[in-house]
Amino acid sequence: MPSSNRTGSYYMLLSVICFSMMDILVKLTTKDYPIGEIAFFRGLFGLIPIFF
């Protein structure tokens, strides 16, 4: 497997883990915080990778 394919596979695995963690955190925080606030901070932290 060439290096670029392996790197791509690692990025895909990392993205699946990040999306799963985000889903878990959203489900846990909906008990204590309003939906609008959760969506705002989720979007705010989602912008961080775009800037790098």
PDB file of N, CA and C in Angstrom:
ATOM      1  N   MET A   1       0.852  -1.174   0.000  1.00  0.00           N
ATOM      2  CA  MET A   1       0.000   0.000   0.000  1.00  0.00           C
ATOM      3  C   MET A   1       0.899   1.239   0.000  1.00  0.00           C
ATOM      4  N   PRO A   2       0.766   2.092  -0.989  1.00  0.00           N
ATOM      5  CA  PRO A   2       1.584   3.305  -1.021  1.00  0.00           C
ATOM      6  C   PRO A   2       1.306   4.214   0.173  1.00  0.00           C
ATOM      7  N   SER A   3       2.249   5.068   0.438  1.00  0.00           N
ATOM      8  CA  SER A   3       2.163   5.940   1.610  1.00  0.00           C
ATOM      9  C   SER A   3       0.934   6.840   1.573  1.00  0.00           C
ATOM     10  N   SER A   4       0.585   7.367   0.403  1.00  0.00           N
ATOM     11  CA  SER A   4      -0.554   8.280   0.328  1.00  0.00           C
ATOM     12  C   SER A   4      -1.869   7.558   0.630  1.00  0.00           C
ATOM     13  N   ASN A   5      -1.988   6.303   0.214  1.00  0.00           N
ATOM     14  CA  ASN A   5      -3.191   5.531   0.530  1.00  0.00           C
ATOM     15  C   ASN A   5      -3.278   5.241   2.022  1.00  0.00           C
ATOM     16  N   ARG A   6      -2.164   4.925   2.618  1.00  0.00           N
ATOM     17  CA  ARG A   6      -2.145   4.645   4.053  1.00  0.00           C
ATOM     18  C   ARG A   6      -2.491   5.904   4.837  1.00  0.00           C
ATOM     19  N   THR A   7      -1.944   7.031   4.437  1.00  0.00           N
ATOM     20  CA  THR A   7      -2.253   8.294   5.107  1.00  0.00           C
ATOM     21  C   THR A   7      -3.733   8.625   4.968  1.00  0.00           C
ATOM     22  N   GLY A   8      -4.284   8.408   3.792  1.00  0.00           N
ATOM     23  CA  GLY A   8      -5.711   8.640   3.580  1.00  0.00           C
ATOM     24  C   GLY A   8      -6.570   7.745   4.457  1.00  0.00           C
ATOM     25  N   SER A   9      -6.146   6.504   4.618  1.00  0.00           N
ATOM     26  CA  SER A   9      -6.881   5.579   5.484  1.00  0.00           C
ATOM     27  C   SER A   9      -6.849   6.043   6.931  1.00  0.00           C
ATOM     28  N   TYR A  10      -5.713   6.543   7.364  1.00  0.00           N
ATOM     29  CA  TYR A  10      -5.612   7.056   8.737  1.00  0.00           C
ATOM     30  C   TYR A  10      -6.505   8.276   8.935  1.00  0.00           C
ATOM     31  N   TYR A  11      -6.549   9.149   7.946  1.00  0.00           N
ATOM     32  CA  TYR A  11      -7.426  10.323   8.048  1.00  0.00           C
ATOM     33  C   TYR A  11      -8.895   9.914   8.103  1.00  0.00           C
ATOM     34  N   MET A  12      -9.269   8.920   7.328  1.00  0.00           N
ATOM     35  CA  MET A  12     -10.657   8.450   7.360  1.00  0.00           C
ATOM     36  C   MET A  12     -10.992   7.836   8.714  1.00  0.00           C
ATOM     37  N   LEU A  13     -10.083   7.064   9.267  1.00  0.00           N
ATOM     38  CA  LEU A  13     -10.293   6.470  10.580  1.00  0.00           C
ATOM     39  C   LEU A  13     -10.405   7.550  11.649  1.00  0.00           C
ATOM     40  N   LEU A  14      -9.545   8.548  11.572  1.00  0.00           N
ATOM     41  CA  LEU A  14      -9.591   9.657  12.523  1.00  0.00           C
ATOM     42  C   LEU A  14     -10.901  10.424  12.415  1.00  0.00           C
ATOM     43  N   SER A  15     -11.392  10.624  11.207  1.00  0.00           N
ATOM     44  CA  SER A  15     -12.647  11.361  11.038  1.00  0.00           C
ATOM     45  C   SER A  15     -13.828  10.571  11.598  1.00  0.00           C
ATOM     46  N   VAL A  16     -13.833   9.263  11.421  1.00  0.00           N
ATOM     47  CA  VAL A  16     -14.913   8.440  11.979  1.00  0.00           C
ATOM     48  C   VAL A  16     -14.891   8.501  13.502  1.00  0.00           C
ATOM     49  N   ILE A  17     -13.714   8.454  14.087  1.00  0.00           N
ATOM     50  CA  ILE A  17     -13.595   8.548  15.541  1.00  0.00           C
ATOM     51  C   ILE A  17     -14.069   9.910  16.031  1.00  0.00           C
ATOM     52  N   CYS A  18     -13.685  10.971  15.338  1.00  0.00           N
ATOM     53  CA  CYS A  18     -14.101  12.319  15.740  1.00  0.00           C
ATOM     54  C   CYS A  18     -15.612  12.497  15.634  1.00  0.00           C
ATOM     55  N   PHE A  19     -16.220  12.016  14.553  1.00  0.00           N
ATOM     56  CA  PHE A  19     -17.674  12.123  14.408  1.00  0.00           C
ATOM     57  C   PHE A  19     -18.396  11.313  15.481  1.00  0.00           C
ATOM     58  N   SER A  20     -17.862  10.148  15.820  1.00  0.00           N
ATOM     59  CA  SER A  20     -18.479   9.334  16.867  1.00  0.00           C
ATOM     60  C   SER A  20     -18.386  10.021  18.222  1.00  0.00           C
ATOM     61  N   MET A  21     -17.224  10.602  18.508  1.00  0.00           N
ATOM     62  CA  MET A  21     -17.060  11.319  19.778  1.00  0.00           C
ATOM     63  C   MET A  21     -17.984  12.530  19.841  1.00  0.00           C
ATOM     64  N   MET A  22     -18.134  13.244  18.733  1.00  0.00           N
ATOM     65  CA  MET A  22     -19.019  14.398  18.696  1.00  0.00           C
ATOM     66  C   MET A  22     -20.459  13.963  18.962  1.00  0.00           C
ATOM     67  N   ASP A  23     -20.871  12.859  18.377  1.00  0.00           N
ATOM     68  CA  ASP A  23     -22.221  12.355  18.586  1.00  0.00           C
ATOM     69  C   ASP A  23     -22.448  11.994  20.052  1.00  0.00           C
ATOM     70  N   ILE A  24     -21.479  11.349  20.665  1.00  0.00           N
ATOM     71  CA  ILE A  24     -21.586  10.992  22.081  1.00  0.00           C
ATOM     72  C   ILE A  24     -21.685  12.242  22.942  1.00  0.00           C
ATOM     73  N   LEU A  25     -20.838  13.229  22.672  1.00  0.00           N
ATOM     74  CA  LEU A  25     -20.860  14.456  23.470  1.00  0.00           C
ATOM     75  C   LEU A  25     -22.165  15.220  23.310  1.00  0.00           C
ATOM     76  N   VAL A  26     -22.709  15.261  22.109  1.00  0.00           N
ATOM     77  CA  VAL A  26     -23.986  15.952  21.891  1.00  0.00           C
ATOM     78  C   VAL A  26     -25.097  15.240  22.650  1.00  0.00           C
ATOM     79  N   LYS A  27     -25.115  13.933  22.609  1.00  0.00           N
ATOM     80  CA  LYS A  27     -26.157  13.187  23.318  1.00  0.00           C
ATOM     81  C   LYS A  27     -26.043  13.364  24.827  1.00  0.00           C
ATOM     82  N   LEU A  28     -24.829  13.458  25.337  1.00  0.00           N
ATOM     83  CA  LEU A  28     -24.656  13.640  26.780  1.00  0.00           C
ATOM     84  C   LEU A  28     -24.989  15.058  27.237  1.00  0.00           C
ATOM     85  N   THR A  29     -24.737  16.042  26.397  1.00  0.00           N
ATOM     86  CA  THR A  29     -24.951  17.430  26.814  1.00  0.00           C
ATOM     87  C   THR A  29     -26.373  17.922  26.592  1.00  0.00           C
ATOM     88  N   THR A  30     -27.196  17.199  25.843  1.00  0.00           N
ATOM     89  CA  THR A  30     -28.564  17.675  25.610  1.00  0.00           C
ATOM     90  C   THR A  30     -29.395  17.657  26.885  1.00  0.00           C
ATOM     91  N   LYS A  31     -28.961  16.955  27.890  1.00  0.00           N
ATOM     92  CA  LYS A  31     -29.674  16.945  29.164  1.00  0.00           C
ATOM     93  C   LYS A  31     -29.514  18.270  29.903  1.00  0.00           C
ATOM     94  N   ASP A  32     -28.372  18.930  29.732  1.00  0.00           N
ATOM     95  CA  ASP A  32     -28.045  20.107  30.532  1.00  0.00           C
ATOM     96  C   ASP A  32     -28.074  21.425  29.769  1.00  0.00           C
ATOM     97  N   TYR A  33     -27.932  21.401  28.453  1.00  0.00           N
ATOM     98  CA  TYR A  33     -27.818  22.637  27.675  1.00  0.00           C
ATOM     99  C   TYR A  33     -28.870  22.670  26.572  1.00  0.00           C
ATOM    100  N   PRO A  34     -29.305  23.880  26.194  1.00  0.00           N
ATOM    101  CA  PRO A  34     -30.277  23.975  25.098  1.00  0.00           C
ATOM    102  C   PRO A  34     -29.658  23.573  23.750  1.00  0.00           C
ATOM    103  N   ILE A  35     -30.507  23.119  22.853  1.00  0.00           N
ATOM    104  CA  ILE A  35     -30.065  22.626  21.543  1.00  0.00           C
ATOM    105  C   ILE A  35     -29.329  23.708  20.749  1.00  0.00           C
ATOM    106  N   GLY A  36     -29.816  24.943  20.807  1.00  0.00           N
ATOM    107  CA  GLY A  36     -29.178  26.032  20.067  1.00  0.00           C
ATOM    108  C   GLY A  36     -27.746  26.271  20.501  1.00  0.00           C
ATOM    109  N   GLU A  37     -27.505  26.200  21.797  1.00  0.00           N
ATOM    110  CA  GLU A  37     -26.147  26.400  22.307  1.00  0.00           C
ATOM    111  C   GLU A  37     -25.227  25.259  21.877  1.00  0.00           C
ATOM    112  N   ILE A  38     -25.722  24.060  21.909  1.00  0.00           N
ATOM    113  CA  ILE A  38     -24.920  22.911  21.474  1.00  0.00           C
ATOM    114  C   ILE A  38     -24.574  23.033  19.992  1.00  0.00           C
ATOM    115  N   ALA A  39     -25.563  23.414  19.185  1.00  0.00           N
ATOM    116  CA  ALA A  39     -25.322  23.559  17.742  1.00  0.00           C
ATOM    117  C   ALA A  39     -24.324  24.676  17.460  1.00  0.00           C
ATOM    118  N   PHE A  40     -24.401  25.770  18.222  1.00  0.00           N
ATOM    119  CA  PHE A  40     -23.469  26.879  18.026  1.00  0.00           C
ATOM    120  C   PHE A  40     -22.031  26.439  18.296  1.00  0.00           C
ATOM    121  N   PHE A  41     -21.794  25.817  19.434  1.00  0.00           N
ATOM    122  CA  PHE A  41     -20.426  25.423  19.772  1.00  0.00           C
ATOM    123  C   PHE A  41     -19.928  24.282  18.890  1.00  0.00           C
ATOM    124  N   ARG A  42     -20.831  23.415  18.464  1.00  0.00           N
ATOM    125  CA  ARG A  42     -20.435  22.359  17.531  1.00  0.00           C
ATOM    126  C   ARG A  42     -19.957  22.966  16.219  1.00  0.00           C
ATOM    127  N   GLY A  43     -20.683  23.956  15.734  1.00  0.00           N
ATOM    128  CA  GLY A  43     -20.276  24.638  14.505  1.00  0.00           C
ATOM    129  C   GLY A  43     -19.003  25.440  14.681  1.00  0.00           C
ATOM    130  N   LEU A  44     -18.864  26.068  15.847  1.00  0.00           N
ATOM    131  CA  LEU A  44     -17.669  26.867  16.127  1.00  0.00           C
ATOM    132  C   LEU A  44     -16.416  25.992  16.138  1.00  0.00           C
ATOM    133  N   PHE A  45     -16.487  24.860  16.819  1.00  0.00           N
ATOM    134  CA  PHE A  45     -15.334  23.962  16.855  1.00  0.00           C
ATOM    135  C   PHE A  45     -15.129  23.255  15.520  1.00  0.00           C
ATOM    136  N   GLY A  46     -16.176  23.145  14.728  1.00  0.00           N
ATOM    137  CA  GLY A  46     -16.044  22.558  13.401  1.00  0.00           C
ATOM    138  C   GLY A  46     -15.296  23.455  12.428  1.00  0.00           C
ATOM    139  N   LEU A  47     -15.244  24.752  12.725  1.00  0.00           N
ATOM    140  CA  LEU A  47     -14.520  25.683  11.857  1.00  0.00           C
ATOM    141  C   LEU A  47     -13.005  25.641  12.066  1.00  0.00           C
ATOM    142  N   ILE A  48     -12.567  25.152  13.195  1.00  0.00           N
ATOM    143  CA  ILE A  48     -11.131  25.145  13.516  1.00  0.00           C
ATOM    144  C   ILE A  48     -10.308  24.410  12.454  1.00  0.00           C
ATOM    145  N   PRO A  49     -10.695  23.201  12.024  1.00  0.00           N
ATOM    146  CA  PRO A  49      -9.874  22.533  10.995  1.00  0.00           C
ATOM    147  C   PRO A  49      -9.836  23.274   9.659  1.00  0.00           C
ATOM    148  N   ILE A  50     -10.853  24.061   9.377  1.00  0.00           N
ATOM    149  CA  ILE A  50     -10.873  24.798   8.112  1.00  0.00           C
ATOM    150  C   ILE A  50      -9.755  25.830   8.069  1.00  0.00           C
ATOM    151  N   PHE A  51      -9.427  26.414   9.205  1.00  0.00           N
ATOM    152  CA  PHE A  51      -8.401  27.454   9.253  1.00  0.00           C
ATOM    153  C   PHE A  51      -6.984  26.895   9.220  1.00  0.00           C
ATOM    154  N   PHE A  52      -6.830  25.586   9.380  1.00  0.00           N
ATOM    155  CA  PHE A  52      -5.496  24.994   9.360  1.00  0.00           C
ATOM    156  C   PHE A  52      -5.360  24.152   8.172  1.00  0.00           C
TER     157      PHE A  52
END
